[in-house]
PDB file of all heavy atoms in Angstrom:
ATOM      1  N   GLY A   1      43.590 320.174  94.309  1.00  0.00           N
ATOM      2  CA  GLY A   1      43.186 319.496  92.975  1.00  0.00           C
ATOM      3  C   GLY A   1      44.259 319.712  91.951  1.00  0.00           C
ATOM      4  O   GLY A   1      44.635 318.761  91.220  1.00  0.00           O
ATOM      5  N   TRP A   2      44.691 320.921  91.728  1.00  0.00           N
ATOM      6  CA  TRP A   2      45.758 321.170  90.766  1.00  0.00           C
ATOM      7  C   TRP A   2      47.070 320.439  91.073  1.00  0.00           C
ATOM      8  O   TRP A   2      47.693 319.964  90.140  1.00  0.00           O
ATOM      9  CB  TRP A   2      46.130 322.728  90.646  1.00  0.00           C
ATOM     10  CG  TRP A   2      44.934 323.595  90.130  1.00  0.00           C
ATOM     11  CD1 TRP A   2      43.817 323.151  89.430  1.00  0.00           C
ATOM     12  CD2 TRP A   2      44.970 324.972  90.087  1.00  0.00           C
ATOM     13  NE1 TRP A   2      43.072 324.296  89.064  1.00  0.00           N
ATOM     14  CE2 TRP A   2      43.885 325.452  89.495  1.00  0.00           C
ATOM     15  CE3 TRP A   2      45.778 326.006  90.706  1.00  0.00           C
ATOM     16  CZ2 TRP A   2      43.402 326.738  89.295  1.00  0.00           C
ATOM     17  CZ3 TRP A   2      45.518 327.232  90.520  1.00  0.00           C
ATOM     18  CH2 TRP A   2      44.235 327.692  89.795  1.00  0.00           C
ATOM     19  N   VAL A   3      47.437 320.503  92.340  1.00  0.00           N
ATOM     20  CA  VAL A   3      48.676 319.863  92.687  1.00  0.00           C
ATOM     21  C   VAL A   3      48.586 318.303  92.477  1.00  0.00           C
ATOM     22  O   VAL A   3      49.553 317.691  92.059  1.00  0.00           O
ATOM     23  CB  VAL A   3      49.021 320.159  94.222  1.00  0.00           C
ATOM     24  CG1 VAL A   3      50.162 319.285  94.734  1.00  0.00           C
ATOM     25  CG2 VAL A   3      49.306 321.611  94.425  1.00  0.00           C
ATOM     26  N   ASP A   4      47.611 317.738  92.923  1.00  0.00           N
ATOM     27  CA  ASP A   4      47.387 316.275  92.613  1.00  0.00           C
ATOM     28  C   ASP A   4      47.356 316.060  91.103  1.00  0.00           C
ATOM     29  O   ASP A   4      47.896 314.973  90.691  1.00  0.00           O
ATOM     30  CB  ASP A   4      46.041 315.763  93.139  1.00  0.00           C
ATOM     31  CG  ASP A   4      46.075 315.827  94.774  1.00  0.00           C
ATOM     32  OD1 ASP A   4      47.096 316.045  95.377  1.00  0.00           O
ATOM     33  OD2 ASP A   4      44.996 315.695  95.371  1.00  0.00           O
ATOM     34  N   PHE A   5      46.756 316.878  90.344  1.00  0.00           N
ATOM     35  CA  PHE A   5      46.722 316.713  88.849  1.00  0.00           C
ATOM     36  C   PHE A   5      48.090 316.734  88.208  1.00  0.00           C
ATOM     37  O   PHE A   5      48.387 315.939  87.390  1.00  0.00           O
ATOM     38  CB  PHE A   5      45.814 317.780  88.309  1.00  0.00           C
ATOM     39  CG  PHE A   5      45.569 317.623  86.758  1.00  0.00           C
ATOM     40  CD1 PHE A   5      44.995 316.447  86.252  1.00  0.00           C
ATOM     41  CD2 PHE A   5      45.971 318.616  85.997  1.00  0.00           C
ATOM     42  CE1 PHE A   5      44.886 316.461  84.877  1.00  0.00           C
ATOM     43  CE2 PHE A   5      45.845 318.629  84.582  1.00  0.00           C
ATOM     44  CZ  PHE A   5      45.332 317.479  84.039  1.00  0.00           C
ATOM     45  N   VAL A   6      48.907 317.767  88.553  1.00  0.00           N
ATOM     46  CA  VAL A   6      50.158 317.966  87.845  1.00  0.00           C
ATOM     47  C   VAL A   6      51.143 317.003  88.442  1.00  0.00           C
ATOM     48  O   VAL A   6      52.041 316.611  87.672  1.00  0.00           O
ATOM     49  CB  VAL A   6      50.703 319.350  88.059  1.00  0.00           C
ATOM     50  CG1 VAL A   6      49.702 320.338  87.650  1.00  0.00           C
ATOM     51  CG2 VAL A   6      51.045 319.658  89.529  1.00  0.00           C
ATOM     52  N   GLU A   7      50.852 316.497  89.576  1.00  0.00           N
ATOM     53  CA  GLU A   7      51.776 315.329  90.137  1.00  0.00           C
ATOM     54  C   GLU A   7      51.840 314.037  89.399  1.00  0.00           C
ATOM     55  O   GLU A   7      52.706 313.269  89.333  1.00  0.00           O
ATOM     56  CB  GLU A   7      51.532 315.107  91.608  1.00  0.00           C
ATOM     57  CG  GLU A   7      52.367 314.071  92.298  1.00  0.00           C
ATOM     58  CD  GLU A   7      53.806 314.560  92.450  1.00  0.00           C
ATOM     59  OE1 GLU A   7      54.089 315.705  92.218  1.00  0.00           O
ATOM     60  OE2 GLU A   7      54.711 313.633  92.801  1.00  0.00           O
ATOM     61  N   ARG A   8      50.658 313.844  88.626  1.00  0.00           N
ATOM     62  CA  ARG A   8      50.519 312.656  87.845  1.00  0.00           C
ATOM     63  C   ARG A   8      51.166 312.724  86.571  1.00  0.00           C
ATOM     64  O   ARG A   8      51.211 311.759  85.825  1.00  0.00           O
ATOM     65  CB  ARG A   8      48.976 312.440  87.692  1.00  0.00           C
ATOM     66  CG  ARG A   8      48.120 312.059  88.880  1.00  0.00           C
ATOM     67  CD  ARG A   8      46.718 311.676  88.597  1.00  0.00           C
ATOM     68  NE  ARG A   8      45.945 311.375  89.838  1.00  0.00           N
ATOM     69  CZ  ARG A   8      45.237 312.119  90.401  1.00  0.00           C
ATOM     70  NH1 ARG A   8      44.956 313.323  89.923  1.00  0.00           N
ATOM     71  NH2 ARG A   8      44.470 311.747  91.459  1.00  0.00           N
ATOM     72  N   SER A   9      51.702 313.929  86.155  1.00  0.00           N
ATOM     73  CA  SER A   9      52.324 314.040  84.878  1.00  0.00           C
ATOM     74  C   SER A   9      53.736 313.446  84.972  1.00  0.00           C
ATOM     75  O   SER A   9      54.340 313.194  86.150  1.00  0.00           O
ATOM     76  CB  SER A   9      52.400 315.498  84.352  1.00  0.00           C
ATOM     77  OG  SER A   9      53.372 316.215  85.322  1.00  0.00           O
ATOM     78  N   ASN A  10      54.489 313.526  83.892  1.00  0.00           N
ATOM     79  CA  ASN A  10      55.765 313.031  83.874  1.00  0.00           C
ATOM     80  C   ASN A  10      56.793 314.151  83.966  1.00  0.00           C
ATOM     81  O   ASN A  10      57.994 313.900  83.763  1.00  0.00           O
ATOM     82  CB  ASN A  10      56.006 312.188  82.588  1.00  0.00           C
ATOM     83  CG  ASN A  10      55.189 310.923  82.387  1.00  0.00           C
ATOM     84  OD1 ASN A  10      54.993 310.228  83.417  1.00  0.00           O
ATOM     85  ND2 ASN A  10      54.673 310.663  81.201  1.00  0.00           N
ATOM     86  N   GLU A  11      56.360 315.268  84.371  1.00  0.00           N
ATOM     87  CA  GLU A  11      57.261 316.439  84.546  1.00  0.00           C
ATOM     88  C   GLU A  11      57.358 316.877  85.934  1.00  0.00           C
ATOM     89  O   GLU A  11      56.471 316.441  86.795  1.00  0.00           O
ATOM     90  CB  GLU A  11      56.691 317.660  83.719  1.00  0.00           C
ATOM     91  CG  GLU A  11      56.498 317.372  82.251  1.00  0.00           C
ATOM     92  CD  GLU A  11      55.804 318.525  81.566  1.00  0.00           C
ATOM     93  OE1 GLU A  11      54.596 318.637  81.675  1.00  0.00           O
ATOM     94  OE2 GLU A  11      56.525 319.436  80.984  1.00  0.00           O
ATOM     95  N   ARG A  12      58.481 317.564  86.206  1.00  0.00           N
ATOM     96  CA  ARG A  12      58.629 318.065  87.573  1.00  0.00           C
ATOM     97  C   ARG A  12      58.059 319.529  87.560  1.00  0.00           C
ATOM     98  O   ARG A  12      58.489 320.306  86.693  1.00  0.00           O
ATOM     99  CB  ARG A  12      60.224 318.170  87.765  1.00  0.00           C
ATOM    100  CG  ARG A  12      60.540 318.712  89.139  1.00  0.00           C
ATOM    101  CD  ARG A  12      61.977 318.553  89.442  1.00  0.00           C
ATOM    102  NE  ARG A  12      62.561 319.145  90.751  1.00  0.00           N
ATOM    103  CZ  ARG A  12      62.530 318.513  91.877  1.00  0.00           C
ATOM    104  NH1 ARG A  12      62.064 317.251  91.911  1.00  0.00           N
ATOM    105  NH2 ARG A  12      62.951 319.091  92.932  1.00  0.00           N
ATOM    106  N   TRP A  13      57.012 319.729  88.372  1.00  0.00           N
ATOM    107  CA  TRP A  13      56.376 320.985  88.472  1.00  0.00           C
ATOM    108  C   TRP A  13      56.864 321.796  89.672  1.00  0.00           C
ATOM    109  O   TRP A  13      57.361 321.378  90.658  1.00  0.00           O
ATOM    110  CB  TRP A  13      54.881 320.723  88.521  1.00  0.00           C
ATOM    111  CG  TRP A  13      54.242 320.455  87.337  1.00  0.00           C
ATOM    112  CD1 TRP A  13      54.363 319.369  86.498  1.00  0.00           C
ATOM    113  CD2 TRP A  13      53.281 321.346  86.688  1.00  0.00           C
ATOM    114  NE1 TRP A  13      53.698 319.524  85.340  1.00  0.00           N
ATOM    115  CE2 TRP A  13      52.998 320.666  85.407  1.00  0.00           C
ATOM    116  CE3 TRP A  13      52.660 322.508  86.878  1.00  0.00           C
ATOM    117  CZ2 TRP A  13      52.126 321.212  84.463  1.00  0.00           C
ATOM    118  CZ3 TRP A  13      51.745 323.101  85.996  1.00  0.00           C
ATOM    119  CH2 TRP A  13      51.562 322.420  84.773  1.00  0.00           C
ATOM    120  N   TYR A  14      56.766 323.137  89.423  1.00  0.00           N
ATOM    121  CA  TYR A  14      57.301 324.160  90.410  1.00  0.00           C
ATOM    122  C   TYR A  14      56.022 325.049  90.822  1.00  0.00           C
ATOM    123  O   TYR A  14      55.120 325.118  90.107  1.00  0.00           O
ATOM    124  CB  TYR A  14      58.472 324.872  89.902  1.00  0.00           C
ATOM    125  CG  TYR A  14      59.647 324.104  89.475  1.00  0.00           C
ATOM    126  CD1 TYR A  14      59.770 323.521  88.376  1.00  0.00           C
ATOM    127  CD2 TYR A  14      60.564 323.800  90.521  1.00  0.00           C
ATOM    128  CE1 TYR A  14      60.782 322.728  87.991  1.00  0.00           C
ATOM    129  CE2 TYR A  14      61.708 323.084  90.197  1.00  0.00           C
ATOM    130  CZ  TYR A  14      61.792 322.525  88.809  1.00  0.00           C
ATOM    131  OH  TYR A  14      62.940 321.754  88.482  1.00  0.00           O
ATOM    132  N   TYR A  15      56.277 325.827  91.927  1.00  0.00           N
ATOM    133  CA  TYR A  15      55.291 326.661  92.251  1.00  0.00           C
ATOM    134  C   TYR A  15      55.992 328.092  92.589  1.00  0.00           C
ATOM    135  O   TYR A  15      57.118 328.039  93.122  1.00  0.00           O
ATOM    136  CB  TYR A  15      54.281 326.382  93.463  1.00  0.00           C
ATOM    137  CG  TYR A  15      54.895 326.276  94.774  1.00  0.00           C
ATOM    138  CD1 TYR A  15      55.007 327.479  95.488  1.00  0.00           C
ATOM    139  CD2 TYR A  15      55.563 325.103  95.243  1.00  0.00           C
ATOM    140  CE1 TYR A  15      55.543 327.310  96.873  1.00  0.00           C
ATOM    141  CE2 TYR A  15      56.113 325.030  96.523  1.00  0.00           C
ATOM    142  CZ  TYR A  15      56.109 326.102  97.338  1.00  0.00           C
ATOM    143  OH  TYR A  15      56.732 326.169  98.549  1.00  0.00           O
ATOM    144  N   LEU A  16      55.326 329.183  92.193  1.00  0.00           N
ATOM    145  CA  LEU A  16      55.687 330.507  92.612  1.00  0.00           C
ATOM    146  C   LEU A  16      54.709 330.981  93.633  1.00  0.00           C
ATOM    147  O   LEU A  16      53.467 331.067  93.387  1.00  0.00           O
ATOM    148  CB  LEU A  16      55.722 331.526  91.384  1.00  0.00           C
ATOM    149  CG  LEU A  16      55.773 332.934  91.626  1.00  0.00           C
ATOM    150  CD1 LEU A  16      57.099 333.362  92.408  1.00  0.00           C
ATOM    151  CD2 LEU A  16      55.680 333.772  90.346  1.00  0.00           C
ATOM    152  N   LYS A  17      55.186 331.228  94.816  1.00  0.00           N
ATOM    153  CA  LYS A  17      54.260 331.729  95.917  1.00  0.00           C
ATOM    154  C   LYS A  17      54.680 333.242  96.103  1.00  0.00           C
ATOM    155  O   LYS A  17      55.852 333.637  96.361  1.00  0.00           O
ATOM    156  CB  LYS A  17      54.532 331.076  97.198  1.00  0.00           C
ATOM    157  CG  LYS A  17      53.720 331.570  98.368  1.00  0.00           C
ATOM    158  CD  LYS A  17      53.901 330.769  99.591  1.00  0.00           C
ATOM    159  CE  LYS A  17      53.177 331.440 100.818  1.00  0.00           C
ATOM    160  NZ  LYS A  17      51.687 331.595 100.705  1.00  0.00           N
ATOM    161  N   MET A  18      53.707 334.164  96.058  1.00  0.00           N
ATOM    162  CA  MET A  18      53.970 335.632  95.997  1.00  0.00           C
ATOM    163  C   MET A  18      53.052 336.035  97.230  1.00  0.00           C
ATOM    164  O   MET A  18      51.884 335.741  97.396  1.00  0.00           O
ATOM    165  CB  MET A  18      53.599 336.412  94.799  1.00  0.00           C
ATOM    166  CG  MET A  18      54.432 335.940  93.607  1.00  0.00           C
ATOM    167  SD  MET A  18      54.070 337.075  92.227  1.00  0.00           S
ATOM    168  CE  MET A  18      52.456 336.446  91.654  1.00  0.00           C
ATOM    169  N   ASP A  19      53.681 337.061  98.006  1.00  0.00           N
ATOM    170  CA  ASP A  19      52.987 337.532  99.104  1.00  0.00           C
ATOM    171  C   ASP A  19      53.269 339.053  99.168  1.00  0.00           C
ATOM    172  O   ASP A  19      54.506 339.506  99.062  1.00  0.00           O
ATOM    173  CB  ASP A  19      53.414 336.885 100.466  1.00  0.00           C
ATOM    174  CG  ASP A  19      52.643 337.277 101.579  1.00  0.00           C
ATOM    175  OD1 ASP A  19      51.571 337.986 101.434  1.00  0.00           O
ATOM    176  OD2 ASP A  19      53.067 337.023 102.756  1.00  0.00           O
ATOM    177  N   VAL A  20      52.423 339.967  99.184  1.00  0.00           N
ATOM    178  CA  VAL A  20      52.577 341.346  99.202  1.00  0.00           C
ATOM    179  C   VAL A  20      53.035 341.863 100.429  1.00  0.00           C
ATOM    180  O   VAL A  20      52.581 341.550 101.558  1.00  0.00           O
ATOM    181  CB  VAL A  20      51.406 342.188  98.692  1.00  0.00           C
ATOM    182  CG1 VAL A  20      51.585 343.645  98.711  1.00  0.00           C
ATOM    183  CG2 VAL A  20      50.865 341.700  97.350  1.00  0.00           C
ATOM    184  N   GLU A  21      54.095 342.637 100.438  1.00  0.00           N
ATOM    185  CA  GLU A  21      54.624 343.354 101.756  1.00  0.00           C
ATOM    186  C   GLU A  21      53.683 344.235 102.396  1.00  0.00           C
ATOM    187  O   GLU A  21      53.245 345.341 101.787  1.00  0.00           O
ATOM    188  CB  GLU A  21      55.999 343.886 101.380  1.00  0.00           C
ATOM    189  CG  GLU A  21      56.655 344.390 102.751  1.00  0.00           C
ATOM    190  CD  GLU A  21      57.910 345.139 102.400  1.00  0.00           C
ATOM    191  OE1 GLU A  21      58.058 346.330 101.975  1.00  0.00           O
ATOM    192  OE2 GLU A  21      58.999 344.445 102.496  1.00  0.00           O
ATOM    193  N   LYS A  22      53.263 343.974 103.547  1.00  0.00           N
ATOM    194  CA  LYS A  22      52.333 344.884 104.396  1.00  0.00           C
ATOM    195  C   LYS A  22      51.313 345.484 103.568  1.00  0.00           C
ATOM    196  O   LYS A  22      51.003 346.739 103.362  1.00  0.00           O
ATOM    197  CB  LYS A  22      53.255 346.022 104.944  1.00  0.00           C
ATOM    198  CG  LYS A  22      54.437 345.558 105.857  1.00  0.00           C
ATOM    199  CD  LYS A  22      53.945 344.813 107.003  1.00  0.00           C
ATOM    200  CE  LYS A  22      55.035 344.077 107.813  1.00  0.00           C
ATOM    201  NZ  LYS A  22      54.504 343.342 108.904  1.00  0.00           N
ATOM    202  N   PHE A  23      50.516 344.569 103.007  1.00  0.00           N
ATOM    203  CA  PHE A  23      49.430 344.930 101.955  1.00  0.00           C
ATOM    204  C   PHE A  23      48.591 346.011 102.509  1.00  0.00           C
ATOM    205  O   PHE A  23      48.465 347.175 101.810  1.00  0.00           O
ATOM    206  CB  PHE A  23      48.722 343.668 101.418  1.00  0.00           C
ATOM    207  CG  PHE A  23      47.630 343.863 100.529  1.00  0.00           C
ATOM    208  CD1 PHE A  23      47.837 344.709  99.488  1.00  0.00           C
ATOM    209  CD2 PHE A  23      46.416 343.412 100.876  1.00  0.00           C
ATOM    210  CE1 PHE A  23      46.783 344.752  98.512  1.00  0.00           C
ATOM    211  CE2 PHE A  23      45.257 343.578  99.890  1.00  0.00           C
ATOM    212  CZ  PHE A  23      45.436 344.368  98.809  1.00  0.00           C
ATOM    213  N   PHE A  24      47.851 345.769 103.559  1.00  0.00           N
ATOM    214  CA  PHE A  24      46.846 346.749 104.013  1.00  0.00           C
ATOM    215  C   PHE A  24      47.440 348.041 104.534  1.00  0.00           C
ATOM    216  O   PHE A  24      46.953 349.151 104.278  1.00  0.00           O
ATOM    217  CB  PHE A  24      46.037 346.102 105.241  1.00  0.00           C
ATOM    218  CG  PHE A  24      45.030 345.016 104.591  1.00  0.00           C
ATOM    219  CD1 PHE A  24      45.302 343.724 104.822  1.00  0.00           C
ATOM    220  CD2 PHE A  24      43.950 345.342 103.969  1.00  0.00           C
ATOM    221  CE1 PHE A  24      44.444 342.684 104.377  1.00  0.00           C
ATOM    222  CE2 PHE A  24      42.973 344.284 103.540  1.00  0.00           C
ATOM    223  CZ  PHE A  24      43.286 343.116 103.624  1.00  0.00           C
TER     224      PHE A  24
END
């Protein structure tokens, strides 16, 4: 829902994907 919403704007949006190393 967020992705669809920001895509309708006139700006170029980016995402930061973070994943913890060997979390458990």
